[in-house]
N, C-alpha and C. Protein backbone atom coordinates (compact mmCIF):
# COMPACT_ATOMS: atom_id res chain seq x y z
N MET A 1 -15.63 21.06 1.85
CA MET A 1 -16.57 20.13 2.43
C MET A 1 -17.44 20.86 3.45
N THR A 2 -18.72 20.56 3.45
CA THR A 2 -19.66 21.19 4.36
C THR A 2 -19.48 20.64 5.77
N GLU A 3 -19.47 21.55 6.73
CA GLU A 3 -19.39 21.16 8.13
C GLU A 3 -20.67 20.42 8.52
N ARG A 4 -20.51 19.28 9.18
CA ARG A 4 -21.66 18.56 9.74
C ARG A 4 -21.26 18.06 11.11
N ARG A 5 -22.07 18.44 12.10
CA ARG A 5 -21.79 17.95 13.45
C ARG A 5 -23.09 17.77 14.21
N SER A 6 -23.05 16.87 15.16
CA SER A 6 -24.22 16.58 15.98
C SER A 6 -24.12 17.29 17.31
N ILE A 7 -25.27 17.70 17.82
CA ILE A 7 -25.36 18.34 19.14
C ILE A 7 -26.21 17.43 20.00
N LEU A 8 -25.67 17.04 21.15
CA LEU A 8 -26.38 16.17 22.09
C LEU A 8 -26.79 16.98 23.31
N SER A 9 -27.96 16.65 23.87
CA SER A 9 -28.46 17.40 25.03
C SER A 9 -28.27 16.64 26.34
N GLY A 10 -27.98 15.37 26.25
CA GLY A 10 -27.91 14.55 27.47
C GLY A 10 -29.20 13.81 27.74
N SER A 11 -30.19 13.98 26.90
CA SER A 11 -31.44 13.25 27.03
C SER A 11 -31.17 11.76 26.87
N THR A 12 -31.75 10.95 27.75
CA THR A 12 -31.58 9.50 27.61
C THR A 12 -32.22 8.99 26.33
N PHE A 13 -33.22 9.71 25.81
CA PHE A 13 -33.86 9.29 24.57
C PHE A 13 -32.88 9.26 23.40
N GLU A 14 -31.96 10.22 23.36
CA GLU A 14 -31.00 10.28 22.26
C GLU A 14 -30.17 9.01 22.20
N GLU A 15 -29.72 8.54 23.33
CA GLU A 15 -28.92 7.31 23.39
C GLU A 15 -29.79 6.09 23.10
N GLN A 16 -30.98 6.03 23.69
CA GLN A 16 -31.84 4.85 23.53
C GLN A 16 -32.34 4.69 22.10
N ILE A 17 -32.63 5.80 21.42
CA ILE A 17 -33.22 5.74 20.09
C ILE A 17 -32.17 5.90 19.00
N GLY A 18 -31.09 6.63 19.29
CA GLY A 18 -30.02 6.80 18.33
C GLY A 18 -30.17 8.03 17.45
N TYR A 19 -30.31 9.19 18.05
CA TYR A 19 -30.41 10.44 17.29
C TYR A 19 -29.72 11.55 18.06
N ALA A 20 -29.59 12.70 17.41
CA ALA A 20 -28.99 13.89 18.03
C ALA A 20 -30.08 14.91 18.28
N ARG A 21 -29.91 15.74 19.29
CA ARG A 21 -30.85 16.83 19.55
C ARG A 21 -30.89 17.76 18.35
N ALA A 22 -29.72 17.99 17.76
CA ALA A 22 -29.66 18.85 16.58
C ALA A 22 -28.50 18.41 15.70
N VAL A 23 -28.61 18.77 14.43
CA VAL A 23 -27.53 18.53 13.48
C VAL A 23 -27.25 19.86 12.78
N VAL A 24 -25.98 20.24 12.81
CA VAL A 24 -25.53 21.41 12.07
C VAL A 24 -24.96 20.89 10.76
N ASP A 25 -25.49 21.40 9.65
CA ASP A 25 -25.04 20.99 8.33
C ASP A 25 -24.77 22.27 7.53
N GLY A 26 -23.53 22.71 7.57
CA GLY A 26 -23.19 23.99 6.95
C GLY A 26 -23.87 25.12 7.67
N ASP A 27 -24.67 25.92 6.93
CA ASP A 27 -25.36 27.04 7.57
C ASP A 27 -26.75 26.65 8.08
N ARG A 28 -27.13 25.40 7.94
CA ARG A 28 -28.44 24.94 8.37
C ARG A 28 -28.34 24.17 9.70
N VAL A 29 -29.35 24.42 10.53
CA VAL A 29 -29.43 23.73 11.82
C VAL A 29 -30.81 23.08 11.90
N HIS A 30 -30.81 21.79 12.13
CA HIS A 30 -32.05 21.02 12.24
C HIS A 30 -32.15 20.53 13.68
N VAL A 31 -33.14 21.04 14.42
CA VAL A 31 -33.33 20.63 15.81
C VAL A 31 -34.45 19.60 15.83
N SER A 32 -34.14 18.43 16.38
CA SER A 32 -35.10 17.34 16.46
C SER A 32 -36.33 17.75 17.25
N GLY A 33 -37.40 17.00 17.07
CA GLY A 33 -38.58 17.19 17.90
C GLY A 33 -38.16 17.16 19.35
N THR A 34 -38.51 18.20 20.08
CA THR A 34 -38.04 18.40 21.44
C THR A 34 -39.24 18.51 22.37
N THR A 35 -39.24 17.71 23.42
CA THR A 35 -40.37 17.69 24.34
C THR A 35 -40.06 18.51 25.59
N GLY A 36 -41.00 18.51 26.51
CA GLY A 36 -40.89 19.32 27.71
C GLY A 36 -40.15 18.67 28.86
N PHE A 37 -39.37 17.64 28.58
CA PHE A 37 -38.56 17.04 29.64
C PHE A 37 -37.43 17.97 30.02
N ASP A 38 -37.15 18.05 31.31
CA ASP A 38 -35.93 18.69 31.80
C ASP A 38 -34.88 17.59 31.67
N TYR A 39 -33.96 17.73 30.74
CA TYR A 39 -33.03 16.66 30.44
C TYR A 39 -32.04 16.39 31.56
N ALA A 40 -31.81 17.36 32.44
CA ALA A 40 -30.89 17.14 33.56
C ALA A 40 -31.48 16.15 34.57
N THR A 41 -32.81 16.21 34.73
CA THR A 41 -33.47 15.35 35.74
C THR A 41 -34.39 14.31 35.11
N MET A 42 -34.63 14.44 33.79
CA MET A 42 -35.56 13.59 33.05
C MET A 42 -36.94 13.59 33.71
N THR A 43 -37.36 14.79 34.15
CA THR A 43 -38.71 14.98 34.69
C THR A 43 -39.49 15.85 33.72
N ILE A 44 -40.82 15.80 33.83
CA ILE A 44 -41.68 16.57 32.94
C ILE A 44 -42.89 17.05 33.72
N SER A 45 -43.28 18.29 33.49
CA SER A 45 -44.47 18.87 34.13
C SER A 45 -45.73 18.26 33.53
N GLU A 46 -46.80 18.28 34.29
CA GLU A 46 -48.09 17.84 33.77
C GLU A 46 -48.78 18.95 32.97
N ASP A 47 -48.32 20.19 33.11
CA ASP A 47 -48.94 21.36 32.49
C ASP A 47 -48.38 21.60 31.09
N VAL A 48 -49.25 21.70 30.09
CA VAL A 48 -48.80 21.86 28.70
C VAL A 48 -48.03 23.17 28.49
N VAL A 49 -48.42 24.24 29.15
CA VAL A 49 -47.70 25.52 28.98
C VAL A 49 -46.30 25.42 29.57
N ALA A 50 -46.18 24.78 30.73
CA ALA A 50 -44.86 24.56 31.32
C ALA A 50 -44.01 23.67 30.41
N GLN A 51 -44.65 22.67 29.79
CA GLN A 51 -43.92 21.83 28.85
C GLN A 51 -43.45 22.63 27.64
N ALA A 52 -44.29 23.52 27.13
CA ALA A 52 -43.89 24.36 26.00
C ALA A 52 -42.69 25.23 26.38
N GLU A 53 -42.73 25.81 27.56
CA GLU A 53 -41.60 26.62 28.04
C GLU A 53 -40.32 25.80 28.09
N GLN A 54 -40.43 24.56 28.62
CA GLN A 54 -39.24 23.70 28.72
C GLN A 54 -38.76 23.28 27.33
N CYS A 55 -39.69 22.99 26.42
CA CYS A 55 -39.31 22.68 25.03
C CYS A 55 -38.44 23.81 24.48
N LEU A 56 -38.91 25.03 24.64
CA LEU A 56 -38.20 26.19 24.10
C LEU A 56 -36.86 26.39 24.79
N HIS A 57 -36.80 26.12 26.08
CA HIS A 57 -35.52 26.18 26.80
C HIS A 57 -34.54 25.17 26.20
N ASN A 58 -35.02 23.94 25.99
CA ASN A 58 -34.17 22.88 25.42
C ASN A 58 -33.72 23.23 24.00
N ILE A 59 -34.64 23.76 23.20
CA ILE A 59 -34.31 24.16 21.83
C ILE A 59 -33.32 25.32 21.84
N GLY A 60 -33.54 26.29 22.71
CA GLY A 60 -32.63 27.42 22.83
C GLY A 60 -31.21 26.99 23.14
N ALA A 61 -31.07 25.99 24.00
CA ALA A 61 -29.73 25.48 24.35
C ALA A 61 -29.07 24.85 23.13
N ALA A 62 -29.84 24.08 22.35
CA ALA A 62 -29.29 23.46 21.14
C ALA A 62 -28.91 24.52 20.11
N LEU A 63 -29.77 25.52 19.93
CA LEU A 63 -29.46 26.60 18.99
C LEU A 63 -28.19 27.34 19.42
N ALA A 64 -28.06 27.61 20.70
CA ALA A 64 -26.87 28.32 21.19
C ALA A 64 -25.61 27.52 20.90
N GLU A 65 -25.68 26.21 21.10
CA GLU A 65 -24.51 25.37 20.82
C GLU A 65 -24.19 25.38 19.32
N ALA A 66 -25.21 25.58 18.50
CA ALA A 66 -25.02 25.66 17.05
C ALA A 66 -24.68 27.08 16.60
N GLU A 67 -24.49 27.99 17.56
CA GLU A 67 -24.17 29.39 17.29
C GLU A 67 -25.31 30.11 16.58
N CYS A 68 -26.54 29.84 17.05
CA CYS A 68 -27.76 30.46 16.54
C CYS A 68 -28.59 30.97 17.71
N THR A 69 -29.66 31.68 17.35
CA THR A 69 -30.66 32.08 18.33
C THR A 69 -32.04 31.81 17.71
N PHE A 70 -33.08 32.07 18.47
CA PHE A 70 -34.42 31.92 17.93
C PHE A 70 -34.65 32.87 16.74
N ALA A 71 -33.91 33.96 16.66
CA ALA A 71 -34.05 34.88 15.53
C ALA A 71 -33.63 34.24 14.21
N ASP A 72 -32.90 33.13 14.28
CA ASP A 72 -32.42 32.45 13.08
C ASP A 72 -33.36 31.33 12.63
N VAL A 73 -34.43 31.09 13.38
CA VAL A 73 -35.36 30.00 13.05
C VAL A 73 -36.19 30.39 11.82
N VAL A 74 -36.25 29.47 10.86
CA VAL A 74 -37.02 29.70 9.64
C VAL A 74 -38.24 28.78 9.54
N ARG A 75 -38.27 27.71 10.33
CA ARG A 75 -39.37 26.74 10.26
C ARG A 75 -39.59 26.17 11.65
N VAL A 76 -40.86 26.05 12.04
CA VAL A 76 -41.20 25.43 13.33
C VAL A 76 -42.39 24.50 13.12
N ARG A 77 -42.33 23.36 13.79
CA ARG A 77 -43.44 22.40 13.77
C ARG A 77 -43.84 22.11 15.20
N TYR A 78 -45.15 22.20 15.44
CA TYR A 78 -45.72 21.90 16.75
C TYR A 78 -46.48 20.59 16.63
N LEU A 79 -46.21 19.65 17.50
CA LEU A 79 -46.87 18.35 17.51
C LEU A 79 -47.56 18.18 18.85
N LEU A 80 -48.86 17.95 18.82
CA LEU A 80 -49.62 17.79 20.06
C LEU A 80 -50.62 16.66 19.92
N PRO A 81 -50.79 15.84 20.96
CA PRO A 81 -51.81 14.80 20.93
C PRO A 81 -53.23 15.36 21.05
N ASP A 82 -53.37 16.53 21.69
CA ASP A 82 -54.70 17.11 21.92
C ASP A 82 -54.71 18.54 21.39
N ARG A 83 -55.49 18.77 20.33
CA ARG A 83 -55.52 20.10 19.70
C ARG A 83 -55.94 21.19 20.68
N ALA A 84 -56.72 20.86 21.71
CA ALA A 84 -57.16 21.86 22.69
C ALA A 84 -55.99 22.40 23.51
N ASP A 85 -54.88 21.69 23.55
CA ASP A 85 -53.71 22.15 24.30
C ASP A 85 -52.89 23.20 23.55
N PHE A 86 -53.17 23.39 22.26
CA PHE A 86 -52.34 24.31 21.47
C PHE A 86 -52.58 25.77 21.84
N GLU A 87 -53.81 26.20 21.87
CA GLU A 87 -54.10 27.61 22.12
C GLU A 87 -53.55 28.12 23.45
N PRO A 88 -53.61 27.36 24.54
CA PRO A 88 -53.02 27.87 25.79
C PRO A 88 -51.52 28.16 25.67
N CYS A 89 -50.85 27.55 24.70
CA CYS A 89 -49.41 27.76 24.50
C CYS A 89 -49.09 28.98 23.65
N TRP A 90 -50.09 29.55 22.98
CA TRP A 90 -49.85 30.65 22.05
C TRP A 90 -49.07 31.81 22.64
N PRO A 91 -49.38 32.28 23.86
CA PRO A 91 -48.60 33.41 24.38
C PRO A 91 -47.11 33.10 24.51
N VAL A 92 -46.78 31.90 24.93
CA VAL A 92 -45.37 31.49 25.05
C VAL A 92 -44.72 31.45 23.67
N LEU A 93 -45.41 30.86 22.72
CA LEU A 93 -44.88 30.73 21.36
C LEU A 93 -44.74 32.10 20.70
N ARG A 94 -45.73 32.97 20.91
CA ARG A 94 -45.68 34.32 20.34
C ARG A 94 -44.52 35.12 20.94
N ARG A 95 -44.26 34.93 22.24
CA ARG A 95 -43.15 35.65 22.88
C ARG A 95 -41.83 35.30 22.21
N VAL A 96 -41.64 34.04 21.83
CA VAL A 96 -40.38 33.60 21.24
C VAL A 96 -40.34 33.83 19.73
N PHE A 97 -41.44 33.55 19.04
CA PHE A 97 -41.43 33.57 17.58
C PHE A 97 -42.16 34.76 16.95
N GLY A 98 -42.86 35.57 17.74
CA GLY A 98 -43.66 36.66 17.20
C GLY A 98 -42.88 37.67 16.38
N GLY A 99 -41.66 37.95 16.76
CA GLY A 99 -40.84 38.90 16.00
C GLY A 99 -40.09 38.26 14.85
N VAL A 100 -40.02 36.94 14.86
CA VAL A 100 -39.26 36.20 13.85
C VAL A 100 -40.16 35.76 12.70
N ARG A 101 -41.36 35.31 13.06
CA ARG A 101 -42.37 34.85 12.11
C ARG A 101 -41.87 33.73 11.18
N PRO A 102 -41.39 32.61 11.76
CA PRO A 102 -40.99 31.49 10.90
C PRO A 102 -42.21 30.82 10.29
N ALA A 103 -42.00 30.08 9.21
CA ALA A 103 -43.07 29.23 8.68
C ALA A 103 -43.41 28.23 9.78
N ALA A 104 -44.70 27.91 9.93
CA ALA A 104 -45.10 27.04 11.04
C ALA A 104 -46.20 26.07 10.63
N THR A 105 -46.19 24.92 11.29
CA THR A 105 -47.22 23.91 11.12
C THR A 105 -47.54 23.32 12.48
N MET A 106 -48.82 23.06 12.72
CA MET A 106 -49.25 22.35 13.94
C MET A 106 -49.91 21.06 13.49
N LEU A 107 -49.45 19.95 14.06
CA LEU A 107 -50.01 18.64 13.76
C LEU A 107 -50.55 18.01 15.03
N VAL A 108 -51.69 17.35 14.91
CA VAL A 108 -52.24 16.56 16.01
C VAL A 108 -51.82 15.12 15.76
N CYS A 109 -51.09 14.55 16.72
CA CYS A 109 -50.58 13.18 16.56
C CYS A 109 -50.23 12.61 17.93
N GLY A 110 -50.06 11.31 17.97
CA GLY A 110 -49.60 10.67 19.20
C GLY A 110 -48.12 10.94 19.41
N LEU A 111 -47.71 11.06 20.66
CA LEU A 111 -46.30 11.21 21.00
C LEU A 111 -45.85 9.94 21.71
N SER A 112 -44.55 9.75 21.84
CA SER A 112 -44.03 8.46 22.30
C SER A 112 -44.26 8.16 23.78
N ASP A 113 -44.62 9.14 24.57
CA ASP A 113 -44.85 8.95 26.00
C ASP A 113 -46.14 9.69 26.35
N PRO A 114 -47.08 9.06 27.03
CA PRO A 114 -48.35 9.73 27.32
C PRO A 114 -48.22 10.98 28.20
N ARG A 115 -47.08 11.16 28.87
CA ARG A 115 -46.87 12.38 29.68
C ARG A 115 -46.57 13.58 28.79
N MET A 116 -46.12 13.34 27.56
CA MET A 116 -45.76 14.42 26.64
C MET A 116 -47.02 15.04 26.05
N LYS A 117 -47.13 16.36 26.19
CA LYS A 117 -48.31 17.08 25.67
C LYS A 117 -47.98 17.97 24.49
N ILE A 118 -46.69 18.22 24.26
CA ILE A 118 -46.27 19.04 23.11
C ILE A 118 -44.84 18.66 22.76
N GLU A 119 -44.56 18.70 21.47
CA GLU A 119 -43.21 18.50 20.96
C GLU A 119 -43.00 19.60 19.91
N ILE A 120 -41.83 20.20 19.92
CA ILE A 120 -41.54 21.30 19.00
C ILE A 120 -40.25 20.97 18.26
N GLU A 121 -40.27 21.18 16.95
CA GLU A 121 -39.11 20.94 16.09
C GLU A 121 -38.85 22.23 15.30
N VAL A 122 -37.58 22.61 15.17
CA VAL A 122 -37.26 23.82 14.40
C VAL A 122 -36.11 23.58 13.44
N ASP A 123 -36.10 24.39 12.39
CA ASP A 123 -34.97 24.49 11.47
C ASP A 123 -34.53 25.94 11.49
N ALA A 124 -33.21 26.15 11.46
CA ALA A 124 -32.66 27.51 11.49
C ALA A 124 -31.54 27.61 10.47
N ARG A 125 -31.19 28.84 10.16
CA ARG A 125 -30.02 29.12 9.30
C ARG A 125 -29.05 29.95 10.12
N ARG A 126 -27.83 29.45 10.15
CA ARG A 126 -26.81 30.18 10.92
C ARG A 126 -26.42 31.45 10.20
N PRO A 127 -26.18 32.51 10.97
CA PRO A 127 -25.76 33.76 10.34
C PRO A 127 -24.40 33.60 9.66
N ALA A 128 -24.18 34.37 8.61
CA ALA A 128 -22.89 34.34 7.91
C ALA A 128 -21.79 34.76 8.87
N ALA A 129 -20.66 34.09 8.76
CA ALA A 129 -19.53 34.37 9.67
C ALA A 129 -18.93 35.73 9.39
């Protein structure tokens, strides 16, 4: 039977909406769309680059709990309400994903809270044991 387990971050959104930050399903790890909230304090910066950094921090924590790193990411999706906010985030994104080169998509769409300027979702494959 394939291992399946949920990873929770402590975000109040997970409880209110009914989802997990990530799901480990065998060797695959699916990290939910992750915003720039600091989940310990449920605060968020007004700056999109700071939000991108916090998104990656939150995703990194979920990947670590799933026994992965950013090097294991195979797919990334960037969701932003304002396309002009994407390019300022490129240096941060390149620092994390530039050596990995996962498949990527950027979508312009509304997010659930007007304070959110970026949401990032990733899929990874866990290394063989």
